[in-house]
Amino acid sequence: MIKKGDSYQEEVIFTQEMVNLFISIIGDNNPIHTDPKLARQQGYPAPIVHGMLAGSMFGRVLGMKFPGINTINLERSFVFIRPVYIDEPYVMSFKVSEVDVNTHTGIIKCRLKNQQGKVCIDCITKVKNSEQFCEEI
């Protein structure tokens, strides 16, 4: 049973293989994601991970771990603050800010932070899960 104030976090590392698979699925082959020389020319120390690839990892946690199985996404908004780089550790954090037991929905604030603790992505998502957002039996 998930309630307001509950939280969860886990580490994630984005690999070049993940980026390549994402490219093969969506077709965004912008060299900023694969070419170190071009990334440096654009002011980045290394190629950057697609924002939506990084953001999609929130969905993996929401649908499988917190709140978990049977969770469906109803709304999601992102703010991309800092670039995300390949092969660096990041921490995803989740905090429930609202719960509506009548509609079995919750608002969860999600964040991706880099090794220095700086926010790279802020996300607010509304999810539904009739098993997790319900009155206690």
N, C-alpha and C. Protein backbone atom coordinates (compact mmCIF):
# COMPACT_ATOMS: atom_id res chain seq x y z
N MET A 1 0.83 -1.18 0.00
CA MET A 1 0.00 0.00 0.00
C MET A 1 0.88 1.25 0.00
N ILE A 2 0.75 2.07 -1.01
CA ILE A 2 1.54 3.29 -1.16
C ILE A 2 0.75 4.47 -0.60
N LYS A 3 1.43 5.34 0.15
CA LYS A 3 0.76 6.52 0.70
C LYS A 3 1.62 7.77 0.50
N LYS A 4 0.99 8.92 0.69
CA LYS A 4 1.69 10.19 0.55
C LYS A 4 2.94 10.19 1.42
N GLY A 5 4.04 10.65 0.83
CA GLY A 5 5.31 10.72 1.55
C GLY A 5 6.22 9.52 1.34
N ASP A 6 5.67 8.41 0.84
CA ASP A 6 6.51 7.24 0.57
C ASP A 6 7.54 7.58 -0.51
N SER A 7 8.71 6.95 -0.42
CA SER A 7 9.76 7.25 -1.38
C SER A 7 10.56 6.00 -1.72
N TYR A 8 11.31 6.12 -2.79
CA TYR A 8 12.13 5.01 -3.28
C TYR A 8 13.27 5.62 -4.09
N GLN A 9 14.41 4.95 -4.12
CA GLN A 9 15.49 5.39 -5.01
C GLN A 9 16.32 4.21 -5.46
N GLU A 10 16.96 4.39 -6.61
CA GLU A 10 17.90 3.38 -7.10
C GLU A 10 18.86 4.02 -8.08
N GLU A 11 20.00 3.36 -8.23
CA GLU A 11 21.05 3.84 -9.13
C GLU A 11 20.82 3.30 -10.54
N VAL A 12 21.24 4.08 -11.51
CA VAL A 12 21.16 3.67 -12.91
C VAL A 12 22.41 4.17 -13.64
N ILE A 13 22.89 3.37 -14.58
CA ILE A 13 23.99 3.77 -15.46
C ILE A 13 23.53 3.53 -16.89
N PHE A 14 23.66 4.53 -17.73
CA PHE A 14 23.27 4.43 -19.14
C PHE A 14 24.51 4.03 -19.94
N THR A 15 24.39 2.96 -20.73
CA THR A 15 25.51 2.46 -21.51
C THR A 15 25.35 2.87 -22.98
N GLN A 16 26.45 2.77 -23.72
CA GLN A 16 26.37 3.04 -25.15
C GLN A 16 25.46 2.04 -25.83
N GLU A 17 25.46 0.80 -25.36
CA GLU A 17 24.56 -0.21 -25.92
C GLU A 17 23.09 0.20 -25.76
N MET A 18 22.74 0.75 -24.60
CA MET A 18 21.37 1.23 -24.38
C MET A 18 21.04 2.36 -25.37
N VAL A 19 21.98 3.29 -25.53
CA VAL A 19 21.78 4.40 -26.46
C VAL A 19 21.61 3.87 -27.88
N ASN A 20 22.45 2.92 -28.27
CA ASN A 20 22.36 2.36 -29.62
C ASN A 20 21.02 1.64 -29.85
N LEU A 21 20.55 0.90 -28.86
CA LEU A 21 19.25 0.24 -28.98
C LEU A 21 18.12 1.27 -29.09
N PHE A 22 18.21 2.33 -28.29
CA PHE A 22 17.21 3.39 -28.35
C PHE A 22 17.20 4.04 -29.73
N ILE A 23 18.39 4.28 -30.28
CA ILE A 23 18.50 4.84 -31.63
C ILE A 23 17.83 3.91 -32.65
N SER A 24 18.07 2.61 -32.51
CA SER A 24 17.50 1.67 -33.47
C SER A 24 15.97 1.61 -33.38
N ILE A 25 15.42 1.92 -32.21
CA ILE A 25 13.97 1.89 -32.04
C ILE A 25 13.32 3.18 -32.53
N ILE A 26 13.88 4.33 -32.14
CA ILE A 26 13.21 5.59 -32.47
C ILE A 26 13.75 6.30 -33.70
N GLY A 27 14.95 5.93 -34.14
CA GLY A 27 15.51 6.52 -35.36
C GLY A 27 16.19 7.86 -35.18
N ASP A 28 16.36 8.32 -33.93
CA ASP A 28 17.07 9.58 -33.68
C ASP A 28 18.56 9.29 -33.60
N ASN A 29 19.23 9.39 -34.74
CA ASN A 29 20.65 9.08 -34.82
C ASN A 29 21.51 10.34 -34.82
N ASN A 30 21.05 11.37 -34.10
CA ASN A 30 21.81 12.61 -33.96
C ASN A 30 23.19 12.25 -33.41
N PRO A 31 24.27 12.65 -34.09
CA PRO A 31 25.61 12.28 -33.63
C PRO A 31 26.00 12.83 -32.26
N ILE A 32 25.23 13.75 -31.70
CA ILE A 32 25.52 14.24 -30.35
C ILE A 32 25.43 13.10 -29.33
N HIS A 33 24.76 12.00 -29.73
CA HIS A 33 24.59 10.85 -28.85
C HIS A 33 25.65 9.76 -29.05
N THR A 34 26.46 9.90 -30.11
CA THR A 34 27.41 8.82 -30.43
C THR A 34 28.82 9.29 -30.79
N ASP A 35 29.00 10.55 -31.12
CA ASP A 35 30.29 11.04 -31.63
C ASP A 35 30.97 11.94 -30.60
N PRO A 36 32.02 11.43 -29.93
CA PRO A 36 32.69 12.24 -28.90
C PRO A 36 33.25 13.56 -29.43
N LYS A 37 33.78 13.55 -30.64
CA LYS A 37 34.36 14.77 -31.21
C LYS A 37 33.27 15.83 -31.41
N LEU A 38 32.17 15.43 -31.99
CA LEU A 38 31.07 16.37 -32.20
C LEU A 38 30.52 16.87 -30.87
N ALA A 39 30.39 15.98 -29.89
CA ALA A 39 29.89 16.39 -28.57
C ALA A 39 30.79 17.47 -27.98
N ARG A 40 32.11 17.29 -28.09
CA ARG A 40 33.04 18.31 -27.57
C ARG A 40 32.88 19.62 -28.34
N GLN A 41 32.70 19.54 -29.66
CA GLN A 41 32.49 20.76 -30.45
C GLN A 41 31.23 21.50 -30.03
N GLN A 42 30.25 20.77 -29.54
CA GLN A 42 28.99 21.37 -29.09
C GLN A 42 29.02 21.79 -27.62
N GLY A 43 30.18 21.62 -26.97
CA GLY A 43 30.34 22.08 -25.60
C GLY A 43 30.11 21.03 -24.53
N TYR A 44 29.99 19.76 -24.93
CA TYR A 44 29.80 18.68 -23.97
C TYR A 44 31.09 17.87 -23.88
N PRO A 45 31.45 17.37 -22.71
CA PRO A 45 32.69 16.60 -22.60
C PRO A 45 32.62 15.22 -23.25
N ALA A 46 31.40 14.76 -23.52
CA ALA A 46 31.19 13.42 -24.09
C ALA A 46 29.80 13.39 -24.72
N PRO A 47 29.51 12.33 -25.51
CA PRO A 47 28.16 12.20 -26.05
C PRO A 47 27.12 12.16 -24.92
N ILE A 48 25.93 12.68 -25.22
CA ILE A 48 24.87 12.73 -24.22
C ILE A 48 23.79 11.70 -24.52
N VAL A 49 23.20 11.22 -23.47
CA VAL A 49 22.10 10.26 -23.56
C VAL A 49 20.85 11.01 -24.01
N HIS A 50 20.05 10.40 -24.88
CA HIS A 50 18.76 10.99 -25.25
C HIS A 50 17.98 11.30 -23.97
N GLY A 51 17.39 12.47 -23.91
CA GLY A 51 16.60 12.84 -22.74
C GLY A 51 15.47 11.87 -22.47
N MET A 52 14.80 11.45 -23.53
CA MET A 52 13.67 10.54 -23.34
C MET A 52 14.11 9.13 -22.96
N LEU A 53 15.31 8.72 -23.36
CA LEU A 53 15.82 7.44 -22.87
C LEU A 53 16.03 7.52 -21.36
N ALA A 54 16.70 8.58 -20.92
CA ALA A 54 16.93 8.74 -19.49
C ALA A 54 15.59 8.84 -18.75
N GLY A 55 14.67 9.61 -19.29
CA GLY A 55 13.36 9.77 -18.65
C GLY A 55 12.53 8.51 -18.64
N SER A 56 12.73 7.66 -19.65
CA SER A 56 11.95 6.43 -19.71
C SER A 56 12.30 5.46 -18.59
N MET A 57 13.48 5.63 -18.00
CA MET A 57 13.86 4.74 -16.90
C MET A 57 12.96 4.95 -15.68
N PHE A 58 12.37 6.13 -15.55
CA PHE A 58 11.40 6.33 -14.47
C PHE A 58 10.25 5.34 -14.66
N GLY A 59 9.82 5.14 -15.90
CA GLY A 59 8.72 4.23 -16.20
C GLY A 59 9.03 2.80 -15.81
N ARG A 60 10.27 2.40 -15.98
CA ARG A 60 10.67 1.04 -15.59
C ARG A 60 10.46 0.84 -14.09
N VAL A 61 10.88 1.81 -13.31
CA VAL A 61 10.71 1.70 -11.85
C VAL A 61 9.23 1.78 -11.48
N LEU A 62 8.52 2.74 -12.06
CA LEU A 62 7.11 2.91 -11.72
C LEU A 62 6.30 1.66 -12.04
N GLY A 63 6.59 1.03 -13.17
CA GLY A 63 5.82 -0.12 -13.59
C GLY A 63 6.25 -1.45 -13.00
N MET A 64 7.45 -1.50 -12.44
CA MET A 64 7.95 -2.78 -11.96
C MET A 64 8.27 -2.81 -10.46
N LYS A 65 8.58 -1.64 -9.86
CA LYS A 65 9.07 -1.65 -8.47
C LYS A 65 8.31 -0.72 -7.54
N PHE A 66 8.05 0.51 -7.95
CA PHE A 66 7.45 1.50 -7.07
C PHE A 66 6.55 2.41 -7.87
N PRO A 67 5.25 2.31 -7.80
CA PRO A 67 4.44 1.41 -7.00
C PRO A 67 4.53 -0.05 -7.43
N GLY A 68 4.82 -0.32 -8.71
CA GLY A 68 5.04 -1.71 -9.11
C GLY A 68 4.07 -2.23 -10.14
N ILE A 69 4.01 -3.55 -10.24
CA ILE A 69 3.19 -4.25 -11.23
C ILE A 69 1.77 -3.70 -11.22
N ASN A 70 1.19 -3.60 -12.39
CA ASN A 70 -0.16 -3.09 -12.64
C ASN A 70 -0.27 -1.57 -12.59
N THR A 71 0.86 -0.87 -12.47
CA THR A 71 0.83 0.59 -12.53
C THR A 71 0.80 1.02 -13.98
N ILE A 72 -0.10 1.95 -14.29
CA ILE A 72 -0.13 2.54 -15.63
C ILE A 72 0.08 4.04 -15.52
N ASN A 73 0.76 4.58 -16.51
CA ASN A 73 1.06 6.00 -16.55
C ASN A 73 -0.12 6.75 -17.17
N LEU A 74 -0.57 7.81 -16.51
CA LEU A 74 -1.66 8.63 -17.04
C LEU A 74 -1.15 9.95 -17.59
N GLU A 75 -0.18 10.54 -16.92
CA GLU A 75 0.41 11.81 -17.35
C GLU A 75 1.87 11.83 -16.91
N ARG A 76 2.69 12.53 -17.67
CA ARG A 76 4.08 12.70 -17.26
C ARG A 76 4.63 13.96 -17.89
N SER A 77 5.30 14.78 -17.09
CA SER A 77 5.96 15.97 -17.63
C SER A 77 7.41 15.98 -17.17
N PHE A 78 8.28 16.41 -18.06
CA PHE A 78 9.72 16.42 -17.82
C PHE A 78 10.27 17.83 -17.91
N VAL A 79 11.30 18.08 -17.11
CA VAL A 79 12.15 19.25 -17.27
C VAL A 79 13.57 18.71 -17.34
N PHE A 80 14.23 18.93 -18.48
CA PHE A 80 15.59 18.45 -18.69
C PHE A 80 16.55 19.58 -18.32
N ILE A 81 17.26 19.43 -17.21
CA ILE A 81 18.05 20.51 -16.62
C ILE A 81 19.53 20.42 -16.99
N ARG A 82 20.08 19.22 -16.92
CA ARG A 82 21.49 18.99 -17.23
C ARG A 82 21.61 17.77 -18.12
N PRO A 83 22.67 17.71 -18.92
CA PRO A 83 22.86 16.53 -19.76
C PRO A 83 23.20 15.29 -18.93
N VAL A 84 22.85 14.15 -19.50
CA VAL A 84 23.14 12.84 -18.91
C VAL A 84 24.17 12.17 -19.81
N TYR A 85 25.22 11.62 -19.21
CA TYR A 85 26.32 11.04 -19.96
C TYR A 85 26.37 9.52 -19.80
N ILE A 86 26.93 8.89 -20.80
CA ILE A 86 27.08 7.44 -20.84
C ILE A 86 28.11 7.00 -19.80
N ASP A 87 27.84 5.85 -19.19
CA ASP A 87 28.75 5.17 -18.26
C ASP A 87 29.05 5.95 -16.98
N GLU A 88 28.15 6.85 -16.59
CA GLU A 88 28.27 7.54 -15.30
C GLU A 88 27.09 7.12 -14.42
N PRO A 89 27.32 6.96 -13.13
CA PRO A 89 26.20 6.58 -12.26
C PRO A 89 25.28 7.77 -11.95
N TYR A 90 24.00 7.49 -11.92
CA TYR A 90 22.97 8.46 -11.57
C TYR A 90 22.05 7.83 -10.54
N VAL A 91 21.37 8.66 -9.77
CA VAL A 91 20.40 8.16 -8.81
C VAL A 91 19.02 8.67 -9.21
N MET A 92 18.08 7.72 -9.34
CA MET A 92 16.69 8.06 -9.58
C MET A 92 15.99 8.05 -8.23
N SER A 93 15.23 9.11 -7.97
CA SER A 93 14.46 9.15 -6.72
C SER A 93 13.00 9.41 -7.04
N PHE A 94 12.14 8.87 -6.18
CA PHE A 94 10.70 8.92 -6.37
C PHE A 94 10.06 9.26 -5.04
N LYS A 95 9.11 10.20 -5.05
CA LYS A 95 8.40 10.55 -3.82
C LYS A 95 6.94 10.81 -4.13
N VAL A 96 6.08 10.13 -3.40
CA VAL A 96 4.63 10.27 -3.60
C VAL A 96 4.20 11.59 -2.96
N SER A 97 3.60 12.46 -3.78
CA SER A 97 3.15 13.76 -3.25
C SER A 97 1.64 13.82 -3.06
N GLU A 98 0.90 12.96 -3.76
CA GLU A 98 -0.56 12.93 -3.62
C GLU A 98 -1.06 11.51 -3.86
N VAL A 99 -2.13 11.16 -3.18
CA VAL A 99 -2.81 9.88 -3.39
C VAL A 99 -4.31 10.14 -3.39
N ASP A 100 -5.00 9.54 -4.34
CA ASP A 100 -6.47 9.60 -4.38
C ASP A 100 -6.98 8.16 -4.37
N VAL A 101 -7.45 7.70 -3.21
CA VAL A 101 -7.89 6.31 -3.09
C VAL A 101 -9.18 6.05 -3.87
N ASN A 102 -9.95 7.09 -4.15
CA ASN A 102 -11.19 6.92 -4.91
C ASN A 102 -10.92 6.60 -6.38
N THR A 103 -9.89 7.22 -6.96
CA THR A 103 -9.57 6.97 -8.37
C THR A 103 -8.37 6.03 -8.52
N HIS A 104 -7.80 5.61 -7.39
CA HIS A 104 -6.63 4.71 -7.37
C HIS A 104 -5.45 5.32 -8.09
N THR A 105 -5.27 6.64 -7.92
CA THR A 105 -4.18 7.34 -8.59
C THR A 105 -3.24 7.99 -7.59
N GLY A 106 -2.05 8.27 -8.06
CA GLY A 106 -1.06 8.98 -7.25
C GLY A 106 -0.22 9.89 -8.11
N ILE A 107 0.27 10.96 -7.52
CA ILE A 107 1.22 11.85 -8.16
C ILE A 107 2.57 11.55 -7.54
N ILE A 108 3.55 11.27 -8.40
CA ILE A 108 4.89 10.92 -7.92
C ILE A 108 5.89 11.87 -8.56
N LYS A 109 6.71 12.48 -7.72
CA LYS A 109 7.79 13.35 -8.19
C LYS A 109 9.02 12.48 -8.38
N CYS A 110 9.58 12.54 -9.58
CA CYS A 110 10.75 11.73 -9.93
C CYS A 110 11.92 12.66 -10.24
N ARG A 111 13.10 12.24 -9.88
CA ARG A 111 14.31 13.02 -10.16
C ARG A 111 15.44 12.09 -10.56
N LEU A 112 16.28 12.61 -11.45
CA LEU A 112 17.52 11.93 -11.80
C LEU A 112 18.64 12.88 -11.42
N LYS A 113 19.53 12.42 -10.52
CA LYS A 113 20.64 13.25 -10.06
C LYS A 113 21.97 12.63 -10.46
N ASN A 114 22.95 13.49 -10.75
CA ASN A 114 24.28 13.01 -11.11
C ASN A 114 25.10 12.73 -9.86
N GLN A 115 26.38 12.36 -10.07
CA GLN A 115 27.26 11.99 -8.96
C GLN A 115 27.48 13.13 -7.97
N GLN A 116 27.35 14.37 -8.46
CA GLN A 116 27.53 15.53 -7.61
C GLN A 116 26.24 15.92 -6.88
N GLY A 117 25.17 15.14 -7.09
CA GLY A 117 23.90 15.42 -6.44
C GLY A 117 23.09 16.49 -7.13
N LYS A 118 23.50 16.88 -8.34
CA LYS A 118 22.77 17.91 -9.09
C LYS A 118 21.67 17.26 -9.93
N VAL A 119 20.52 17.91 -9.95
CA VAL A 119 19.37 17.38 -10.69
C VAL A 119 19.61 17.52 -12.19
N CYS A 120 19.45 16.41 -12.90
CA CYS A 120 19.54 16.40 -14.37
C CYS A 120 18.16 16.42 -14.99
N ILE A 121 17.23 15.66 -14.40
CA ILE A 121 15.85 15.60 -14.90
C ILE A 121 14.90 15.67 -13.72
N ASP A 122 13.92 16.54 -13.84
CA ASP A 122 12.79 16.60 -12.91
C ASP A 122 11.57 16.09 -13.65
N CYS A 123 10.76 15.31 -12.99
CA CYS A 123 9.59 14.72 -13.63
C CYS A 123 8.46 14.63 -12.63
N ILE A 124 7.27 14.95 -13.08
CA ILE A 124 6.07 14.71 -12.28
C ILE A 124 5.20 13.77 -13.09
N THR A 125 4.75 12.71 -12.45
CA THR A 125 3.94 11.73 -13.15
C THR A 125 2.70 11.38 -12.34
N LYS A 126 1.63 11.17 -13.06
CA LYS A 126 0.39 10.69 -12.45
C LYS A 126 0.21 9.25 -12.91
N VAL A 127 0.05 8.36 -11.94
CA VAL A 127 -0.09 6.94 -12.25
C VAL A 127 -1.34 6.38 -11.58
N LYS A 128 -1.77 5.25 -12.10
CA LYS A 128 -2.92 4.56 -11.54
C LYS A 128 -2.50 3.14 -11.19
N ASN A 129 -2.93 2.70 -10.00
CA ASN A 129 -2.69 1.33 -9.58
C ASN A 129 -3.74 0.98 -8.53
N SER A 130 -4.72 0.18 -8.93
CA SER A 130 -5.84 -0.12 -8.03
C SER A 130 -5.44 -0.99 -6.84
N GLU A 131 -4.26 -1.60 -6.90
CA GLU A 131 -3.81 -2.41 -5.78
C GLU A 131 -3.00 -1.59 -4.77
N GLN A 132 -2.29 -0.57 -5.24
CA GLN A 132 -1.40 0.20 -4.38
C GLN A 132 -2.03 1.48 -3.84
N PHE A 133 -2.92 2.12 -4.62
CA PHE A 133 -3.55 3.36 -4.19
C PHE A 133 -4.99 3.06 -3.81
N CYS A 134 -5.17 2.45 -2.67
CA CYS A 134 -6.52 2.06 -2.20
C CYS A 134 -6.56 2.18 -0.69
N GLU A 135 -7.73 2.12 -0.16
CA GLU A 135 -7.88 2.17 1.29
C GLU A 135 -7.36 0.87 1.88
N GLU A 136 -6.78 0.96 3.05
CA GLU A 136 -6.30 -0.25 3.72
C GLU A 136 -7.48 -1.14 4.09
N ILE A 137 -7.26 -2.42 3.94
CA ILE A 137 -8.33 -3.39 4.23
C ILE A 137 -8.24 -3.80 5.69
